[in-house]
Amino acid sequence: MQSIQLGPFTFATSLFAFMVAALLGLFLAAWLDRRKQTRAESVLWRAMILGVLVGRLGFLIQQWPFYQSEPLSWLDLRDGGLMIPAAVTAGWFYVLWRVLRDKAVLPAVSGGLAVGVAAFSLIMVATGRGGVETAMPLPEIDLIPMQLDVSAPENLDLYKGKVTVVNLWASWCPPCRREMPAFKQVQSTRSDVNIVFANQGEELAEIQKYLIDENLELDNMWRDPQMQLGQAVRSRGLPTTLFLDEQGRLVDVRAGELSAATLNDKINKLK
């Protein structure tokens, strides 16, 4: 399962697992610490905040060309732009430093961390995201061209030979609309990658009206009227982005909004 739907909200499975793990870990740390009052819960809070800040700073430096012209985007964590090794290292070093300074917090902090790690692992395994990710072939799904004078459908085999990114989107989806300029930017700057758009379930007139209204000129635009690509990867929300290797095999799926920086980062990791 690539995403989890809670009412109107769609979360990437890994993000949902992290949020649940953090809440459980913090709750247990507070419960274990309620007699000794060593403020172990605050240690975990500060470790997470420090980890996010350091991870975000590392990512900003790494992807600076995409952020330098939009200072407000530095604080927008919805794109998921974090340097995970830096974030984890900073968090663990802070916990270690606090424990060495005050060993009284050790039992509650250890318990909170243990429950958090266990909860994260269980959720990832239960949703099928805990194993080693391997490339898998996609079924041959026919995509309908946008051009009225072209009726022959095609499938994603057309793009074999390059790393391919397939954005599943719809014009009624606000996050899809927000991230469309990011995909346009990457498409115009990276000729080494195929950026493909597969509209999910909308009529041709609706799609064309949106593209004209937003003044978007995009290559590789297709229709997936029956939303078969989303069903093939068990995606429960939009936007969803598929990452295919040069042989056309699915190697990763991202549920949720991407910025140009996070999209570029994901592509670099596949190259």
Protein backbone atom coordinates (compact mmCIF):
# COMPACT_ATOMS: atom_id res chain seq x y z
CA MET A 1 0.00 0.00 0.00
CA GLN A 2 1.58 3.25 -1.18
CA SER A 3 -0.78 5.64 0.59
CA ILE A 4 -3.31 5.75 3.41
CA GLN A 5 -6.63 7.59 3.17
CA LEU A 6 -8.05 9.26 6.29
CA GLY A 7 -11.23 11.07 5.35
CA PRO A 8 -10.29 13.77 2.81
CA PHE A 9 -6.57 13.43 3.54
CA THR A 10 -4.09 11.14 1.78
CA PHE A 11 -0.75 10.33 3.41
CA ALA A 12 2.27 8.52 2.04
CA THR A 13 2.52 5.28 4.02
CA SER A 14 5.97 6.14 5.38
CA LEU A 15 4.78 9.56 6.60
CA PHE A 16 1.71 8.05 8.25
CA ALA A 17 3.89 5.42 9.94
CA PHE A 18 6.26 8.09 11.23
CA MET A 19 3.43 10.20 12.68
CA VAL A 20 1.87 7.22 14.48
CA ALA A 21 5.26 6.06 15.77
CA ALA A 22 6.12 9.55 17.04
CA LEU A 23 2.79 9.92 18.87
CA LEU A 24 3.07 6.49 20.50
CA GLY A 25 6.71 7.06 21.48
CA LEU A 26 5.96 10.46 23.00
CA PHE A 27 2.92 9.14 24.86
CA LEU A 28 4.87 6.24 26.38
CA ALA A 29 7.80 8.48 27.35
CA ALA A 30 5.40 10.87 29.11
CA TRP A 31 3.67 7.96 30.89
CA LEU A 32 6.94 6.38 32.06
CA ASP A 33 8.16 9.75 33.24
CA ARG A 34 5.07 10.86 35.13
CA ARG A 35 6.57 10.00 38.55
CA LYS A 36 10.18 11.06 38.14
CA GLN A 37 9.35 14.26 36.23
CA THR A 38 12.64 14.23 34.31
CA ARG A 39 11.01 15.78 31.20
CA ALA A 40 12.03 12.86 28.99
CA GLU A 41 9.15 13.69 26.64
CA SER A 42 10.73 17.06 25.87
CA VAL A 43 13.97 15.29 24.97
CA LEU A 44 12.20 13.33 22.24
CA TRP A 45 10.29 16.40 21.03
CA ARG A 46 13.46 18.42 20.70
CA ALA A 47 15.29 15.54 19.02
CA MET A 48 12.56 15.32 16.36
CA ILE A 49 12.48 19.09 15.82
CA LEU A 50 16.27 19.26 15.57
CA GLY A 51 16.30 16.31 13.17
CA VAL A 52 13.72 17.95 10.89
CA LEU A 53 15.60 21.29 10.91
CA VAL A 54 18.97 19.71 10.13
CA GLY A 55 17.48 17.40 7.50
CA ARG A 56 15.68 20.29 5.83
CA LEU A 57 18.79 22.49 5.87
CA GLY A 58 20.83 19.72 4.27
CA PHE A 59 18.22 19.25 1.57
CA LEU A 60 18.02 23.00 0.89
CA ILE A 61 21.78 23.13 0.39
CA GLN A 62 21.72 20.05 -1.84
CA GLN A 63 18.88 21.37 -4.04
CA TRP A 64 19.64 25.09 -3.73
CA PRO A 65 19.03 26.00 -7.43
CA PHE A 66 15.36 25.04 -7.01
CA TYR A 67 14.86 27.03 -3.81
CA GLN A 68 16.92 30.20 -4.22
CA SER A 69 14.25 32.15 -6.09
CA GLU A 70 11.42 31.21 -3.68
CA PRO A 71 12.44 31.86 -0.04
CA LEU A 72 8.99 30.97 1.32
CA SER A 73 9.32 27.46 -0.09
CA TRP A 74 12.19 26.81 2.32
CA LEU A 75 9.64 26.32 5.10
CA ASP A 76 7.12 24.29 3.13
CA LEU A 77 7.71 20.76 4.39
CA ARG A 78 4.74 19.38 2.46
CA ASP A 79 7.12 18.48 -0.37
CA GLY A 80 8.90 16.00 1.92
CA GLY A 81 12.31 17.48 1.18
CA LEU A 82 14.56 16.13 3.94
CA MET A 83 18.06 14.72 3.96
CA ILE A 84 17.10 11.68 6.01
CA PRO A 85 20.62 10.54 7.09
CA ALA A 86 21.37 14.04 8.40
CA ALA A 87 18.01 14.24 10.19
CA VAL A 88 18.40 10.85 11.89
CA THR A 89 22.02 11.52 12.87
CA ALA A 90 21.17 14.90 14.41
CA GLY A 91 18.25 13.45 16.37
CA TRP A 92 20.25 10.53 17.75
CA PHE A 93 23.20 12.71 18.73
CA TYR A 94 20.88 15.06 20.61
CA VAL A 95 19.29 12.14 22.51
CA LEU A 96 22.73 10.73 23.33
CA TRP A 97 23.96 14.13 24.57
CA ARG A 98 20.93 14.59 26.83
CA VAL A 99 21.17 11.07 28.24
CA LEU A 100 24.87 11.52 29.03
CA ARG A 101 24.07 14.79 30.80
CA ASP A 102 21.14 13.39 32.77
CA LYS A 103 20.93 9.60 33.07
CA ALA A 104 17.58 9.89 34.86
CA VAL A 105 15.85 10.36 31.50
CA LEU A 106 17.27 7.13 30.09
CA PRO A 107 14.42 4.69 30.99
CA ALA A 108 11.63 6.88 29.60
CA VAL A 109 13.58 7.96 26.52
CA SER A 110 14.62 4.38 25.76
CA GLY A 111 11.07 3.14 26.16
CA GLY A 112 9.67 5.85 23.92
CA LEU A 113 12.26 5.21 21.22
CA ALA A 114 11.73 1.44 21.35
CA VAL A 115 7.96 1.75 20.97
CA GLY A 116 8.34 4.32 18.18
CA VAL A 117 10.74 2.17 16.17
CA ALA A 118 8.60 -0.94 16.70
CA ALA A 119 5.39 0.86 15.65
CA PHE A 120 7.02 2.29 12.52
CA SER A 121 8.37 -1.13 11.52
CA LEU A 122 5.05 -2.91 12.12
CA ILE A 123 3.06 -0.41 10.07
CA MET A 124 5.51 -0.57 7.19
CA VAL A 125 5.47 -4.38 7.19
CA ALA A 126 1.67 -4.54 7.53
CA THR A 127 1.20 -2.23 4.54
CA GLY A 128 3.72 -4.10 2.42
CA ARG A 129 6.32 -1.32 2.55
CA GLY A 130 8.77 -2.88 4.98
CA GLY A 131 10.70 -5.17 2.70
CA VAL A 132 13.45 -4.56 0.20
CA GLU A 133 12.08 -2.55 -2.73
CA THR A 134 12.57 -4.36 -6.03
CA ALA A 135 11.79 -3.28 -9.57
CA MET A 136 8.56 -4.77 -10.90
CA PRO A 137 6.97 -4.63 -14.34
CA LEU A 138 3.74 -2.71 -14.78
CA PRO A 139 0.84 -4.29 -16.67
CA GLU A 140 0.40 -3.09 -20.24
CA ILE A 141 -2.13 -0.31 -19.78
CA ASP A 142 -3.35 1.61 -22.80
CA LEU A 143 -3.10 5.40 -22.53
CA ILE A 144 -5.21 7.61 -24.78
CA PRO A 145 -3.50 10.44 -26.71
CA MET A 146 -4.59 14.02 -26.13
CA GLN A 147 -4.66 14.82 -29.85
CA LEU A 148 -8.08 14.51 -31.45
CA ASP A 149 -6.57 13.36 -34.74
CA VAL A 150 -4.64 10.49 -33.11
CA SER A 151 -6.77 7.59 -31.94
CA ALA A 152 -4.24 4.79 -31.44
CA PRO A 153 -3.54 4.15 -27.74
CA GLU A 154 -0.03 3.58 -26.45
CA ASN A 155 1.49 2.16 -23.28
CA LEU A 156 4.52 3.12 -21.20
CA ASP A 157 6.81 0.82 -23.22
CA LEU A 158 7.05 3.84 -25.51
CA TYR A 159 9.41 5.46 -22.98
CA LYS A 160 11.82 2.60 -22.36
CA GLY A 161 15.48 3.55 -22.59
CA LYS A 162 15.35 6.42 -20.09
CA VAL A 163 14.33 6.82 -16.48
CA THR A 164 10.64 7.77 -16.64
CA VAL A 165 8.49 9.69 -14.17
CA VAL A 166 4.72 9.28 -14.55
CA ASN A 167 2.51 11.81 -12.78
CA LEU A 168 -1.06 10.65 -12.07
CA TRP A 169 -3.20 13.76 -11.75
CA ALA A 170 -6.60 15.40 -12.25
CA SER A 171 -7.60 19.03 -12.69
CA TRP A 172 -10.01 18.90 -9.70
CA CYS A 173 -7.15 17.96 -7.35
CA PRO A 174 -5.59 21.06 -5.64
CA PRO A 175 -2.20 19.41 -4.84
CA CYS A 176 -2.00 18.21 -8.47
CA ARG A 177 -2.52 21.77 -9.68
CA ARG A 178 0.08 23.14 -7.25
CA GLU A 179 2.77 20.70 -8.32
CA MET A 180 2.18 20.98 -12.08
CA PRO A 181 4.61 23.94 -12.51
CA ALA A 182 7.29 21.89 -10.73
CA PHE A 183 6.89 19.05 -13.21
CA LYS A 184 6.96 21.54 -16.06
CA GLN A 185 10.21 23.03 -14.72
CA VAL A 186 11.91 19.64 -14.44
CA GLN A 187 10.60 18.54 -17.84
CA SER A 188 12.10 21.63 -19.46
CA THR A 189 15.50 21.24 -17.79
CA ARG A 190 16.16 17.49 -17.80
CA SER A 191 16.30 15.94 -21.24
CA ASP A 192 17.83 12.78 -19.73
CA VAL A 193 14.48 11.81 -18.17
CA ASN A 194 10.97 11.24 -19.52
CA ILE A 195 8.37 13.25 -17.61
CA VAL A 196 4.96 11.79 -18.46
CA PHE A 197 1.48 12.92 -17.40
CA ALA A 198 -1.44 10.50 -17.14
CA ASN A 199 -4.70 12.24 -16.35
CA GLN A 200 -7.00 10.09 -14.23
CA GLY A 201 -10.58 9.73 -15.38
CA GLU A 202 -11.35 13.15 -16.86
CA GLU A 203 -12.83 13.99 -20.23
CA LEU A 204 -10.65 15.51 -22.93
CA ALA A 205 -12.48 18.86 -22.85
CA GLU A 206 -11.94 19.24 -19.09
CA ILE A 207 -8.22 18.58 -19.41
CA GLN A 208 -7.76 20.94 -22.33
CA LYS A 209 -9.65 23.74 -20.58
CA TYR A 210 -7.43 23.44 -17.51
CA LEU A 211 -4.21 23.44 -19.55
CA ILE A 212 -5.33 26.47 -21.55
CA ASP A 213 -6.52 28.40 -18.48
CA GLU A 214 -3.21 27.76 -16.69
CA ASN A 215 -1.12 28.37 -19.82
CA LEU A 216 0.60 25.01 -19.42
CA GLU A 217 2.39 23.54 -22.40
CA LEU A 218 3.51 20.05 -21.46
CA ASP A 219 4.93 17.16 -23.46
CA ASN A 220 3.94 13.53 -22.98
CA MET A 221 0.37 14.24 -21.87
CA TRP A 222 -1.97 11.22 -21.89
CA ARG A 223 -5.38 10.17 -20.62
CA ASP A 224 -6.07 7.17 -18.43
CA PRO A 225 -9.90 7.20 -18.51
CA GLN A 226 -10.38 4.08 -16.37
CA MET A 227 -7.65 5.11 -13.88
CA GLN A 228 -5.90 1.80 -14.45
CA LEU A 229 -2.42 3.06 -13.52
CA GLY A 230 -3.61 4.13 -10.08
CA GLN A 231 -5.28 0.77 -9.58
CA ALA A 232 -2.14 -1.07 -10.71
CA VAL A 233 -0.04 0.52 -7.95
CA ARG A 234 -2.89 0.48 -5.39
CA SER A 235 -2.85 4.23 -5.02
CA ARG A 236 -5.84 5.64 -3.13
CA GLY A 237 -5.37 9.33 -3.84
CA LEU A 238 -3.95 11.98 -6.11
CA PRO A 239 -1.40 13.12 -6.95
CA THR A 240 0.63 9.94 -7.23
CA THR A 241 3.96 9.76 -9.03
CA LEU A 242 5.49 6.59 -10.47
CA PHE A 243 9.23 6.20 -11.02
CA LEU A 244 10.32 3.72 -13.68
CA ASP A 245 13.83 2.57 -14.53
CA GLU A 246 15.31 2.43 -18.04
CA GLN A 247 13.72 -0.99 -18.61
CA GLY A 248 10.27 0.39 -17.79
CA ARG A 249 10.04 -1.36 -14.41
CA LEU A 250 8.39 0.33 -11.45
CA VAL A 251 11.00 1.10 -8.79
CA ASP A 252 9.23 3.64 -6.57
CA VAL A 253 5.87 5.31 -5.96
CA ARG A 254 5.33 8.65 -4.25
CA ALA A 255 1.88 9.60 -2.92
CA GLY A 256 1.38 13.31 -2.39
CA GLU A 257 2.66 16.62 -3.67
CA LEU A 258 6.20 17.06 -5.01
CA SER A 259 8.23 20.22 -5.47
CA ALA A 260 10.75 20.66 -8.26
CA ALA A 261 13.52 20.03 -5.72
CA THR A 262 12.08 16.78 -4.34
CA LEU A 263 11.27 15.56 -7.85
CA ASN A 264 14.81 16.30 -8.98
CA ASP A 265 16.19 14.54 -5.88
CA LYS A 266 14.12 11.42 -6.54
CA ILE A 267 15.31 11.34 -10.16
CA ASN A 268 18.96 11.71 -9.12
CA LYS A 269 18.64 8.71 -6.84
CA LEU A 270 17.47 6.60 -9.78
CA LYS A 271 20.19 7.69 -12.20
